[in-house]
Amino acid sequence: MPNSSSMPQFLLLAFADRWELQLLHFWLFLAISLAALLANGLILSAVACDHHLHTPMGFFLLNLSLTDLGCICTTVPKAMHNSLWNTGTITYTGCAAQLFFFAFFISAEFSLLTIMCYDRYVAICKPLHYGTLLGSRACAHMAAAAWATGFLSALLHTANTFSLPLCQGNALGQFFCEIPHILKLSCSHSGYLRELGLIVFSACLIFGGFIFFVFSYVQIFRAVLRIPSQQGQHKAFSTCLPHLAVVSLFISTLFFAHLKPPSISSPPLDLIVSLMYSVVSPTLNPLIYSLRNQELKDALRKLITGCFSEAINSPSSACYVPH
């Protein structure tokens, strides 16, 4: 009976049987990863350089961009490597590391999205207490708690998943190491139930966060609709709707990927859902936030304009942000 100590590698799901199609997937993943790196890198630079974005929301958006970059860099490079070299293997250690870092960034991202919801709630519903409840020290503590929660969650899930004896082969029906697909290879009923219990517990926490999102946004929308000026309503909605869109996409795909009934599970459906929350969501997040946030759009415009003008005037110089 093979177990975790005797299994040298796993087989990941191939995107296509023909090498030409595998090469097409490589270029597609390359374009997605470059777009994600560019978009999140621009947000990181804009928040760091523009003093108008040195706010709690800007600080949390910076942390969110880091988690998005982490998610992309954890899963996409290996998928690109396998598509380019027409292979589908990942070592046991590499699989454990990939699962740990992906769970770390995903858990930290959910915590940050919850904190950002709290930020919007306080900013709109309790504006007089905003400076007290979301001071610089409080923001730093909340961000540290989000990263610590992600680390602890990833450590628990990874340690428990890779302590299970595996006897159902080594083929994972996914393009990266994902907990539900590793559990399918387990032959330990008690260990399987233990990890399933951890997943259900995590799902309950996520569902609790979802209830908090719903409650907060009901209060936010009620407060926004009471704002007398249409301009004030538009500004409030411009900061809330992008966050709501990101949360909805993230939670719906994450829940469906890990808690869908086995009867509707299939490799194409599993692949699409996993791509949505592991690749598409981190790539779209910067676009969603920058579309309606005027301050962020202005900062990005100044950053890009500054880079182009400096490149024209002095190609060897670094970019700057004009004030």
C-alpha atoms as a PDB file:
ATOM      1  CA  MET A   1       0.000   0.000   0.000  1.00  0.00           C
ATOM      2  CA  PRO A   2       1.663   3.240  -1.099  1.00  0.00           C
ATOM      3  CA  ASN A   3       1.684   6.056   1.404  1.00  0.00           C
ATOM      4  CA  SER A   4       2.888   9.587   1.746  1.00  0.00           C
ATOM      5  CA  SER A   5       6.478   8.553   2.357  1.00  0.00           C
ATOM      6  CA  SER A   6       6.756   6.224  -0.658  1.00  0.00           C
ATOM      7  CA  MET A   7       4.981   8.341  -3.304  1.00  0.00           C
ATOM      8  CA  PRO A   8       7.667  10.354  -5.145  1.00  0.00           C
ATOM      9  CA  GLN A   9       5.360  12.464  -7.312  1.00  0.00           C
ATOM     10  CA  PHE A  10       1.828  13.293  -8.378  1.00  0.00           C
ATOM     11  CA  LEU A  11       0.331  13.536 -11.848  1.00  0.00           C
ATOM     12  CA  LEU A  12      -1.443  16.812 -12.548  1.00  0.00           C
ATOM     13  CA  LEU A  13      -4.307  17.217 -14.992  1.00  0.00           C
ATOM     14  CA  ALA A  14      -3.193  18.006 -18.536  1.00  0.00           C
ATOM     15  CA  PHE A  15      -5.105  20.728 -20.360  1.00  0.00           C
ATOM     16  CA  ALA A  16      -4.979  18.891 -23.696  1.00  0.00           C
ATOM     17  CA  ASP A  17      -3.658  15.717 -25.291  1.00  0.00           C
ATOM     18  CA  ARG A  18      -1.882  17.384 -28.204  1.00  0.00           C
ATOM     19  CA  TRP A  19       1.355  19.296 -27.659  1.00  0.00           C
ATOM     20  CA  GLU A  20       0.184  22.116 -29.952  1.00  0.00           C
ATOM     21  CA  LEU A  21      -2.778  22.763 -27.646  1.00  0.00           C
ATOM     22  CA  GLN A  22      -0.506  22.480 -24.616  1.00  0.00           C
ATOM     23  CA  LEU A  23       1.674  25.182 -26.161  1.00  0.00           C
ATOM     24  CA  LEU A  24      -1.426  27.323 -26.677  1.00  0.00           C
ATOM     25  CA  HIS A  25      -2.241  26.942 -22.971  1.00  0.00           C
ATOM     26  CA  PHE A  26       1.310  27.979 -22.131  1.00  0.00           C
ATOM     27  CA  TRP A  27       0.959  31.256 -24.033  1.00  0.00           C
ATOM     28  CA  LEU A  28      -2.473  31.834 -22.507  1.00  0.00           C
ATOM     29  CA  PHE A  29      -1.129  31.335 -18.977  1.00  0.00           C
ATOM     30  CA  LEU A  30       1.849  33.533 -19.796  1.00  0.00           C
ATOM     31  CA  ALA A  31      -0.465  36.347 -20.911  1.00  0.00           C
ATOM     32  CA  ILE A  32      -2.643  35.960 -17.807  1.00  0.00           C
ATOM     33  CA  SER A  33       0.316  35.919 -15.438  1.00  0.00           C
ATOM     34  CA  LEU A  34       1.925  38.966 -17.085  1.00  0.00           C
ATOM     35  CA  ALA A  35      -1.403  40.825 -16.935  1.00  0.00           C
ATOM     36  CA  ALA A  36      -1.794  39.941 -13.244  1.00  0.00           C
ATOM     37  CA  LEU A  37       1.783  40.931 -12.448  1.00  0.00           C
ATOM     38  CA  LEU A  38       1.440  44.222 -14.311  1.00  0.00           C
ATOM     39  CA  ALA A  39      -1.957  45.142 -12.845  1.00  0.00           C
ATOM     40  CA  ASN A  40      -1.125  44.232  -9.257  1.00  0.00           C
ATOM     41  CA  GLY A  41       2.333  45.767  -9.602  1.00  0.00           C
ATOM     42  CA  LEU A  42       0.779  49.033 -10.761  1.00  0.00           C
ATOM     43  CA  ILE A  43      -1.570  49.060  -7.775  1.00  0.00           C
ATOM     44  CA  LEU A  44       1.310  48.358  -5.390  1.00  0.00           C
ATOM     45  CA  SER A  45       3.325  51.192  -6.935  1.00  0.00           C
ATOM     46  CA  ALA A  46       0.379  53.598  -6.995  1.00  0.00           C
ATOM     47  CA  VAL A  47      -0.533  52.985  -3.349  1.00  0.00           C
ATOM     48  CA  ALA A  48       3.103  53.260  -2.260  1.00  0.00           C
ATOM     49  CA  CYS A  49       3.849  56.433  -4.234  1.00  0.00           C
ATOM     50  CA  ASP A  50       0.632  58.483  -4.072  1.00  0.00           C
ATOM     51  CA  HIS A  51      -0.037  60.099  -0.700  1.00  0.00           C
ATOM     52  CA  HIS A  52      -3.769  60.321  -1.527  1.00  0.00           C
ATOM     53  CA  LEU A  53      -3.899  56.515  -1.242  1.00  0.00           C
ATOM     54  CA  HIS A  54      -2.123  56.395   2.126  1.00  0.00           C
ATOM     55  CA  THR A  55      -5.439  55.485   3.728  1.00  0.00           C
ATOM     56  CA  PRO A  56      -6.679  52.330   5.484  1.00  0.00           C
ATOM     57  CA  MET A  57      -8.409  51.162   2.295  1.00  0.00           C
ATOM     58  CA  GLY A  58      -5.249  51.828   0.283  1.00  0.00           C
ATOM     59  CA  PHE A  59      -3.178  49.911   2.830  1.00  0.00           C
ATOM     60  CA  PHE A  60      -5.525  46.911   2.704  1.00  0.00           C
ATOM     61  CA  LEU A  61      -5.670  47.099  -1.088  1.00  0.00           C
ATOM     62  CA  LEU A  62      -1.873  46.894  -1.139  1.00  0.00           C
ATOM     63  CA  ASN A  63      -2.020  43.751   1.010  1.00  0.00           C
ATOM     64  CA  LEU A  64      -4.744  42.298  -1.211  1.00  0.00           C
ATOM     65  CA  SER A  65      -2.551  42.817  -4.280  1.00  0.00           C
ATOM     66  CA  LEU A  66       0.214  40.889  -2.545  1.00  0.00           C
ATOM     67  CA  THR A  67      -2.129  37.927  -1.937  1.00  0.00           C
ATOM     68  CA  ASP A  68      -3.301  38.058  -5.564  1.00  0.00           C
ATOM     69  CA  LEU A  69       0.302  37.971  -6.760  1.00  0.00           C
ATOM     70  CA  GLY A  70       0.972  35.086  -4.381  1.00  0.00           C
ATOM     71  CA  CYS A  71      -1.951  33.051  -5.742  1.00  0.00           C
ATOM     72  CA  ILE A  72      -0.835  33.581  -9.336  1.00  0.00           C
ATOM     73  CA  CYS A  73       2.831  32.816  -8.632  1.00  0.00           C
ATOM     74  CA  THR A  74       1.944  29.640  -6.700  1.00  0.00           C
ATOM     75  CA  THR A  75      -0.133  27.881  -9.357  1.00  0.00           C
ATOM     76  CA  VAL A  76       0.522  29.368 -12.805  1.00  0.00           C
ATOM     77  CA  PRO A  77       4.316  28.857 -13.205  1.00  0.00           C
ATOM     78  CA  LYS A  78       4.055  25.092 -12.685  1.00  0.00           C
ATOM     79  CA  ALA A  79       1.123  24.875 -15.096  1.00  0.00           C
ATOM     80  CA  MET A  80       3.150  26.834 -17.663  1.00  0.00           C
ATOM     81  CA  HIS A  81       6.150  24.546 -17.167  1.00  0.00           C
ATOM     82  CA  ASN A  82       4.057  21.418 -17.632  1.00  0.00           C
ATOM     83  CA  SER A  83       2.353  22.804 -20.747  1.00  0.00           C
ATOM     84  CA  LEU A  84       5.637  23.919 -22.334  1.00  0.00           C
ATOM     85  CA  TRP A  85       7.500  20.682 -21.667  1.00  0.00           C
ATOM     86  CA  ASN A  86       4.457  18.448 -22.256  1.00  0.00           C
ATOM     87  CA  THR A  87       4.639  16.858 -18.831  1.00  0.00           C
ATOM     88  CA  GLY A  88       2.249  16.600 -15.897  1.00  0.00           C
ATOM     89  CA  THR A  89       4.282  15.651 -12.847  1.00  0.00           C
ATOM     90  CA  ILE A  90       4.960  17.449  -9.592  1.00  0.00           C
ATOM     91  CA  THR A  91       7.103  16.089  -6.777  1.00  0.00           C
ATOM     92  CA  TYR A  92       5.554  15.162  -3.439  1.00  0.00           C
ATOM     93  CA  THR A  93       7.466  17.978  -1.721  1.00  0.00           C
ATOM     94  CA  GLY A  94       6.570  20.427  -4.470  1.00  0.00           C
ATOM     95  CA  CYS A  95       2.914  19.496  -4.160  1.00  0.00           C
ATOM     96  CA  ALA A  96       2.982  20.035  -0.388  1.00  0.00           C
ATOM     97  CA  ALA A  97       4.698  23.407  -0.826  1.00  0.00           C
ATOM     98  CA  GLN A  98       2.233  24.481  -3.524  1.00  0.00           C
ATOM     99  CA  LEU A  99      -0.758  23.521  -1.396  1.00  0.00           C
ATOM    100  CA  PHE A 100       0.656  25.314   1.655  1.00  0.00           C
ATOM    101  CA  PHE A 101       1.394  28.595  -0.115  1.00  0.00           C
ATOM    102  CA  PHE A 102      -1.858  28.575  -2.053  1.00  0.00           C
ATOM    103  CA  ALA A 103      -3.902  27.920   1.113  1.00  0.00           C
ATOM    104  CA  PHE A 104      -1.856  30.628   2.858  1.00  0.00           C
ATOM    105  CA  PHE A 105      -2.583  33.295   0.248  1.00  0.00           C
ATOM    106  CA  ILE A 106      -6.232  32.285  -0.229  1.00  0.00           C
ATOM    107  CA  SER A 107      -6.927  32.339   3.529  1.00  0.00           C
ATOM    108  CA  ALA A 108      -5.126  35.667   3.952  1.00  0.00           C
ATOM    109  CA  GLU A 109      -7.096  37.100   1.019  1.00  0.00           C
ATOM    110  CA  PHE A 110     -10.425  36.160   2.569  1.00  0.00           C
ATOM    111  CA  SER A 111      -9.393  37.720   5.881  1.00  0.00           C
ATOM    112  CA  LEU A 112      -8.331  40.908   4.088  1.00  0.00           C
ATOM    113  CA  LEU A 113     -11.618  41.075   2.173  1.00  0.00           C
ATOM    114  CA  THR A 114     -13.459  40.791   5.497  1.00  0.00           C
ATOM    115  CA  ILE A 115     -11.351  43.610   6.974  1.00  0.00           C
ATOM    116  CA  MET A 116     -11.977  45.750   3.889  1.00  0.00           C
ATOM    117  CA  CYS A 117     -15.714  45.221   4.344  1.00  0.00           C
ATOM    118  CA  TYR A 118     -15.368  46.420   7.933  1.00  0.00           C
ATOM    119  CA  ASP A 119     -13.434  49.436   6.666  1.00  0.00           C
ATOM    120  CA  ARG A 120     -16.254  50.395   4.283  1.00  0.00           C
ATOM    121  CA  TYR A 121     -18.858  49.845   7.006  1.00  0.00           C
ATOM    122  CA  VAL A 122     -17.083  52.140   9.449  1.00  0.00           C
ATOM    123  CA  ALA A 123     -16.296  54.756   6.781  1.00  0.00           C
ATOM    124  CA  ILE A 124     -19.916  55.081   5.675  1.00  0.00           C
ATOM    125  CA  CYS A 125     -21.990  54.113   8.712  1.00  0.00           C
ATOM    126  CA  LYS A 126     -19.735  55.459  11.492  1.00  0.00           C
ATOM    127  CA  PRO A 127     -17.638  58.186   9.838  1.00  0.00           C
ATOM    128  CA  LEU A 128     -17.026  60.096  13.076  1.00  0.00           C
ATOM    129  CA  HIS A 129     -15.309  57.053  14.599  1.00  0.00           C
ATOM    130  CA  TYR A 130     -13.284  56.162  11.478  1.00  0.00           C
ATOM    131  CA  GLY A 131     -10.025  57.704  12.654  1.00  0.00           C
ATOM    132  CA  THR A 132     -10.307  55.974  16.032  1.00  0.00           C
ATOM    133  CA  LEU A 133     -11.367  52.504  14.861  1.00  0.00           C
ATOM    134  CA  LEU A 134      -9.059  52.411  11.834  1.00  0.00           C
ATOM    135  CA  GLY A 135      -5.937  54.222  12.908  1.00  0.00           C
ATOM    136  CA  SER A 136      -2.534  53.232  11.571  1.00  0.00           C
ATOM    137  CA  ARG A 137      -1.799  50.892  14.485  1.00  0.00           C
ATOM    138  CA  ALA A 138      -5.210  49.209  14.257  1.00  0.00           C
ATOM    139  CA  CYS A 139      -4.760  48.696  10.503  1.00  0.00           C
ATOM    140  CA  ALA A 140      -1.313  47.170  11.006  1.00  0.00           C
ATOM    141  CA  HIS A 141      -2.685  44.806  13.675  1.00  0.00           C
ATOM    142  CA  MET A 142      -5.592  43.735  11.458  1.00  0.00           C
ATOM    143  CA  ALA A 143      -3.327  43.116   8.470  1.00  0.00           C
ATOM    144  CA  ALA A 144      -0.914  41.113  10.637  1.00  0.00           C
ATOM    145  CA  ALA A 145      -3.843  39.080  11.975  1.00  0.00           C
ATOM    146  CA  ALA A 146      -4.968  38.347   8.398  1.00  0.00           C
ATOM    147  CA  TRP A 147      -1.524  37.049   7.398  1.00  0.00           C
ATOM    148  CA  ALA A 148      -1.194  35.067  10.648  1.00  0.00           C
ATOM    149  CA  THR A 149      -4.628  33.500  10.100  1.00  0.00           C
ATOM    150  CA  GLY A 150      -3.620  32.499   6.603  1.00  0.00           C
ATOM    151  CA  PHE A 151      -0.397  30.923   7.851  1.00  0.00           C
ATOM    152  CA  LEU A 152      -2.128  28.947  10.600  1.00  0.00           C
ATOM    153  CA  SER A 153      -4.895  27.744   8.287  1.00  0.00           C
ATOM    154  CA  ALA A 154      -2.407  26.678   5.608  1.00  0.00           C
ATOM    155  CA  LEU A 155      -0.243  24.886   8.159  1.00  0.00           C
ATOM    156  CA  LEU A 156      -3.182  22.916   9.606  1.00  0.00           C
ATOM    157  CA  HIS A 157      -4.598  21.884   6.225  1.00  0.00           C
ATOM    158  CA  THR A 158      -1.227  20.986   4.704  1.00  0.00           C
ATOM    159  CA  ALA A 159      -0.002  19.006   7.713  1.00  0.00           C
ATOM    160  CA  ASN A 160      -3.253  17.084   7.999  1.00  0.00           C
ATOM    161  CA  THR A 161      -3.649  16.409   4.271  1.00  0.00           C
ATOM    162  CA  PHE A 162      -0.113  15.121   3.778  1.00  0.00           C
ATOM    163  CA  SER A 163      -0.222  12.977   6.912  1.00  0.00           C
ATOM    164  CA  LEU A 164      -2.859  10.778   5.241  1.00  0.00           C
ATOM    165  CA  PRO A 165      -1.837   7.432   3.705  1.00  0.00           C
ATOM    166  CA  LEU A 166      -2.480   7.486  -0.043  1.00  0.00           C
ATOM    167  CA  CYS A 167      -3.419   4.268  -1.845  1.00  0.00           C
ATOM    168  CA  GLN A 168      -5.642   5.344  -4.734  1.00  0.00           C
ATOM    169  CA  GLY A 169      -2.861   6.081  -7.192  1.00  0.00           C
ATOM    170  CA  ASN A 170      -1.147   9.426  -7.747  1.00  0.00           C
ATOM    171  CA  ALA A 171      -3.275  11.097 -10.442  1.00  0.00           C
ATOM    172  CA  LEU A 172      -4.810  14.409  -9.355  1.00  0.00           C
ATOM    173  CA  GLY A 173      -7.766  15.559 -11.421  1.00  0.00           C
ATOM    174  CA  GLN A 174      -6.602  19.165 -11.224  1.00  0.00           C
ATOM    175  CA  PHE A 175      -3.908  21.389 -12.730  1.00  0.00           C
ATOM    176  CA  PHE A 176      -2.494  22.191  -9.267  1.00  0.00           C
ATOM    177  CA  CYS A 177      -2.428  20.493  -5.875  1.00  0.00           C
ATOM    178  CA  GLU A 178      -5.859  21.038  -4.357  1.00  0.00           C
ATOM    179  CA  ILE A 179      -7.052  19.491  -1.094  1.00  0.00           C
ATOM    180  CA  PRO A 180     -10.263  17.769  -2.340  1.00  0.00           C
ATOM    181  CA  HIS A 181      -8.376  15.963  -5.106  1.00  0.00           C
ATOM    182  CA  ILE A 182      -5.635  14.785  -2.749  1.00  0.00           C
ATOM    183  CA  LEU A 183      -8.287  13.509  -0.326  1.00  0.00           C
ATOM    184  CA  LYS A 184      -9.683  11.315  -3.105  1.00  0.00           C
ATOM    185  CA  LEU A 185      -6.388   9.398  -3.075  1.00  0.00           C
ATOM    186  CA  SER A 186      -6.568   8.690   0.657  1.00  0.00           C
ATOM    187  CA  CYS A 187      -7.320   5.264   2.069  1.00  0.00           C
ATOM    188  CA  SER A 188      -7.634   6.429   5.689  1.00  0.00           C
ATOM    189  CA  HIS A 189     -11.273   6.936   6.579  1.00  0.00           C
ATOM    190  CA  SER A 190     -10.534   8.616   9.911  1.00  0.00           C
ATOM    191  CA  GLY A 191      -7.902  10.908   8.388  1.00  0.00           C
ATOM    192  CA  TYR A 192     -10.247  11.768   5.550  1.00  0.00           C
ATOM    193  CA  LEU A 193     -12.987  12.709   8.001  1.00  0.00           C
ATOM    194  CA  ARG A 194     -10.518  14.768  10.033  1.00  0.00           C
ATOM    195  CA  GLU A 195      -9.512  16.867   7.050  1.00  0.00           C
ATOM    196  CA  LEU A 196     -13.124  17.043   5.888  1.00  0.00           C
ATOM    197  CA  GLY A 197     -13.980  18.384   9.330  1.00  0.00           C
ATOM    198  CA  LEU A 198     -11.295  21.063   8.937  1.00  0.00           C
ATOM    199  CA  ILE A 199     -12.714  22.005   5.552  1.00  0.00           C
ATOM    200  CA  VAL A 200     -16.246  22.216   6.966  1.00  0.00           C
ATOM    201  CA  PHE A 201     -14.959  24.319   9.878  1.00  0.00           C
ATOM    202  CA  SER A 202     -13.191  26.648   7.431  1.00  0.00           C
ATOM    203  CA  ALA A 203     -16.358  26.786   5.337  1.00  0.00           C
ATOM    204  CA  CYS A 204     -18.358  27.774   8.425  1.00  0.00           C
ATOM    205  CA  LEU A 205     -15.899  30.610   9.089  1.00  0.00           C
ATOM    206  CA  ILE A 206     -16.203  31.721   5.471  1.00  0.00           C
ATOM    207  CA  PHE A 207     -19.978  31.521   5.704  1.00  0.00           C
ATOM    208  CA  GLY A 208     -19.824  33.590   8.891  1.00  0.00           C
ATOM    209  CA  GLY A 209     -17.761  36.124   6.980  1.00  0.00           C
ATOM    210  CA  PHE A 210     -20.357  36.056   4.207  1.00  0.00           C
ATOM    211  CA  ILE A 211     -23.125  36.808   6.722  1.00  0.00           C
ATOM    212  CA  PHE A 212     -21.000  39.709   7.979  1.00  0.00           C
ATOM    213  CA  PHE A 213     -20.628  40.947   4.385  1.00  0.00           C
ATOM    214  CA  VAL A 214     -24.397  40.802   3.839  1.00  0.00           C
ATOM    215  CA  PHE A 215     -25.191  42.555   7.121  1.00  0.00           C
ATOM    216  CA  SER A 216     -22.549  45.227   6.533  1.00  0.00           C
ATOM    217  CA  TYR A 217     -23.650  45.978   2.992  1.00  0.00           C
ATOM    218  CA  VAL A 218     -27.312  46.177   3.966  1.00  0.00           C
ATOM    219  CA  GLN A 219     -26.316  48.839   6.502  1.00  0.00           C
ATOM    220  CA  ILE A 220     -23.991  50.517   3.988  1.00  0.00           C
ATOM    221  CA  PHE A 221     -26.625  50.745   1.247  1.00  0.00           C
ATOM    222  CA  ARG A 222     -29.197  52.087   3.711  1.00  0.00           C
ATOM    223  CA  ALA A 223     -26.725  54.755   4.800  1.00  0.00           C
ATOM    224  CA  VAL A 224     -25.740  55.608   1.211  1.00  0.00           C
ATOM    225  CA  LEU A 225     -29.355  56.031   0.107  1.00  0.00           C
ATOM    226  CA  ARG A 226     -29.818  58.563   2.914  1.00  0.00           C
ATOM    227  CA  ILE A 227     -26.989  60.751   1.560  1.00  0.00           C
ATOM    228  CA  PRO A 228     -28.721  63.858   0.147  1.00  0.00           C
ATOM    229  CA  SER A 229     -26.345  64.587  -2.728  1.00  0.00           C
ATOM    230  CA  GLN A 230     -26.126  62.361  -5.784  1.00  0.00           C
ATOM    231  CA  GLN A 231     -22.383  63.000  -5.963  1.00  0.00           C
ATOM    232  CA  GLY A 232     -21.951  61.700  -2.414  1.00  0.00           C
ATOM    233  CA  GLN A 233     -23.940  58.592  -3.240  1.00  0.00           C
ATOM    234  CA  HIS A 234     -21.839  57.973  -6.352  1.00  0.00           C
ATOM    235  CA  LYS A 235     -18.584  58.326  -4.412  1.00  0.00           C
ATOM    236  CA  ALA A 236     -19.779  55.912  -1.718  1.00  0.00           C
ATOM    237  CA  PHE A 237     -20.952  53.354  -4.271  1.00  0.00           C
ATOM    238  CA  SER A 238     -17.693  53.672  -6.232  1.00  0.00           C
ATOM    239  CA  THR A 239     -15.728  52.430  -3.210  1.00  0.00           C
ATOM    240  CA  CYS A 240     -18.192  49.705  -2.182  1.00  0.00           C
ATOM    241  CA  LEU A 241     -19.352  48.052  -5.407  1.00  0.00           C
ATOM    242  CA  PRO A 242     -15.863  46.890  -6.531  1.00  0.00           C
ATOM    243  CA  HIS A 243     -15.293  45.255  -3.147  1.00  0.00           C
ATOM    244  CA  LEU A 244     -18.716  43.589  -3.305  1.00  0.00           C
ATOM    245  CA  ALA A 245     -17.985  42.245  -6.806  1.00  0.00           C
ATOM    246  CA  VAL A 246     -14.604  40.824  -5.725  1.00  0.00           C
ATOM    247  CA  VAL A 247     -16.116  39.193  -2.630  1.00  0.00           C
ATOM    248  CA  SER A 248     -19.010  37.659  -4.584  1.00  0.00           C
ATOM    249  CA  LEU A 249     -16.731  36.138  -7.236  1.00  0.00           C
ATOM    250  CA  PHE A 250     -14.229  34.872  -4.669  1.00  0.00           C
ATOM    251  CA  ILE A 251     -16.650  33.281  -2.188  1.00  0.00           C
ATOM    252  CA  SER A 252     -19.020  31.731  -4.756  1.00  0.00           C
ATOM    253  CA  THR A 253     -16.274  29.946  -6.694  1.00  0.00           C
ATOM    254  CA  LEU A 254     -14.385  28.910  -3.536  1.00  0.00           C
ATOM    255  CA  PHE A 255     -17.518  27.442  -1.946  1.00  0.00           C
ATOM    256  CA  PHE A 256     -18.517  25.624  -5.110  1.00  0.00           C
ATOM    257  CA  ALA A 257     -15.026  24.194  -5.647  1.00  0.00           C
ATOM    258  CA  HIS A 258     -14.753  22.657  -2.174  1.00  0.00           C
ATOM    259  CA  LEU A 259     -18.361  21.885  -1.177  1.00  0.00           C
ATOM    260  CA  LYS A 260     -20.094  20.858  -4.396  1.00  0.00           C
ATOM    261  CA  PRO A 261     -21.794  17.424  -4.377  1.00  0.00           C
ATOM    262  CA  PRO A 262     -19.682  14.594  -5.836  1.00  0.00           C
ATOM    263  CA  SER A 263     -22.551  13.758  -8.193  1.00  0.00           C
ATOM    264  CA  ILE A 264     -21.963  16.927 -10.247  1.00  0.00           C
ATOM    265  CA  SER A 265     -18.176  16.773 -10.099  1.00  0.00           C
ATOM    266  CA  SER A 266     -16.357  16.347 -13.406  1.00  0.00           C
ATOM    267  CA  PRO A 267     -12.816  17.223 -14.570  1.00  0.00           C
ATOM    268  CA  PRO A 268     -13.925  20.042 -16.936  1.00  0.00           C
ATOM    269  CA  LEU A 269     -16.204  21.614 -14.299  1.00  0.00           C
ATOM    270  CA  ASP A 270     -13.582  21.273 -11.546  1.00  0.00           C
ATOM    271  CA  LEU A 271     -10.994  22.856 -13.839  1.00  0.00           C
ATOM    272  CA  ILE A 272     -13.187  25.832 -14.735  1.00  0.00           C
ATOM    273  CA  VAL A 273     -14.208  26.531 -11.132  1.00  0.00           C
ATOM    274  CA  SER A 274     -10.631  26.262  -9.862  1.00  0.00           C
ATOM    275  CA  LEU A 275      -9.394  28.552 -12.628  1.00  0.00           C
ATOM    276  CA  MET A 276     -12.017  31.106 -11.576  1.00  0.00           C
ATOM    277  CA  TYR A 277     -10.873  31.484  -7.971  1.00  0.00           C
ATOM    278  CA  SER A 278      -7.168  30.685  -8.368  1.00  0.00           C
ATOM    279  CA  VAL A 279      -6.313  32.537 -11.594  1.00  0.00           C
ATOM    280  CA  VAL A 280      -9.181  34.656 -12.945  1.00  0.00           C
ATOM    281  CA  SER A 281     -10.151  36.326  -9.662  1.00  0.00           C
ATOM    282  CA  PRO A 282      -6.593  37.477  -8.749  1.00  0.00           C
ATOM    283  CA  THR A 283      -6.174  38.791 -12.300  1.00  0.00           C
ATOM    284  CA  LEU A 284      -9.475  40.679 -12.374  1.00  0.00           C
ATOM    285  CA  ASN A 285      -9.292  42.150  -8.857  1.00  0.00           C
ATOM    286  CA  PRO A 286      -7.039  45.097  -9.828  1.00  0.00           C
ATOM    287  CA  LEU A 287      -9.259  45.860 -12.835  1.00  0.00           C
ATOM    288  CA  ILE A 288     -12.443  45.732 -10.742  1.00  0.00           C
ATOM    289  CA  TYR A 289     -11.009  48.048  -8.098  1.00  0.00           C
ATOM    290  CA  SER A 290      -9.574  50.541 -10.565  1.00  0.00           C
ATOM    291  CA  LEU A 291     -12.679  50.851 -12.761  1.00  0.00           C
ATOM    292  CA  ARG A 292     -14.829  52.782 -10.266  1.00  0.00           C
ATOM    293  CA  ASN A 293     -12.298  54.123  -7.764  1.00  0.00           C
ATOM    294  CA  GLN A 294     -11.497  57.616  -9.012  1.00  0.00           C
ATOM    295  CA  GLU A 295      -8.611  58.189  -6.602  1.00  0.00           C
ATOM    296  CA  LEU A 296      -6.969  54.940  -7.675  1.00  0.00           C
ATOM    297  CA  LYS A 297      -7.520  55.755 -11.362  1.00  0.00           C
ATOM    298  CA  ASP A 298      -5.951  59.174 -10.874  1.00  0.00           C
ATOM    299  CA  ALA A 299      -2.966  57.660  -9.057  1.00  0.00           C
ATOM    300  CA  LEU A 300      -2.478  55.036 -11.788  1.00  0.00           C
ATOM    301  CA  ARG A 301      -2.751  57.719 -14.467  1.00  0.00           C
ATOM    302  CA  LYS A 302      -0.104  59.854 -12.736  1.00  0.00           C
ATOM    303  CA  LEU A 303       2.134  56.828 -12.255  1.00  0.00           C
ATOM    304  CA  ILE A 304       1.932  55.724 -15.890  1.00  0.00           C
ATOM    305  CA  THR A 305       2.276  59.296 -17.179  1.00  0.00           C
ATOM    306  CA  GLY A 306       5.279  59.831 -14.940  1.00  0.00           C
ATOM    307  CA  CYS A 307       6.940  56.632 -16.150  1.00  0.00           C
ATOM    308  CA  PHE A 308       6.403  57.480 -19.823  1.00  0.00           C
ATOM    309  CA  SER A 309       7.536  61.087 -19.519  1.00  0.00           C
ATOM    310  CA  GLU A 310      10.614  60.071 -17.537  1.00  0.00           C
ATOM    311  CA  ALA A 311      11.401  57.314 -20.036  1.00  0.00           C
ATOM    312  CA  ILE A 312      11.250  59.832 -22.871  1.00  0.00           C
ATOM    313  CA  ASN A 313      13.351  62.438 -21.084  1.00  0.00           C
ATOM    314  CA  SER A 314      15.852  60.047 -19.491  1.00  0.00           C
ATOM    315  CA  PRO A 315      15.497  56.359 -20.421  1.00  0.00           C
ATOM    316  CA  SER A 316      17.933  55.249 -17.755  1.00  0.00           C
ATOM    317  CA  SER A 317      16.133  56.974 -14.883  1.00  0.00           C
ATOM    318  CA  ALA A 318      13.566  55.452 -12.583  1.00  0.00           C
ATOM    319  CA  CYS A 319       9.844  56.277 -12.699  1.00  0.00           C
ATOM    320  CA  TYR A 320       8.451  58.982 -10.529  1.00  0.00           C
ATOM    321  CA  VAL A 321       4.983  60.167  -9.589  1.00  0.00           C
ATOM    322  CA  PRO A 322       4.334  63.869 -10.207  1.00  0.00           C
ATOM    323  CA  HIS A 323       2.373  65.676  -7.511  1.00  0.00           C
END
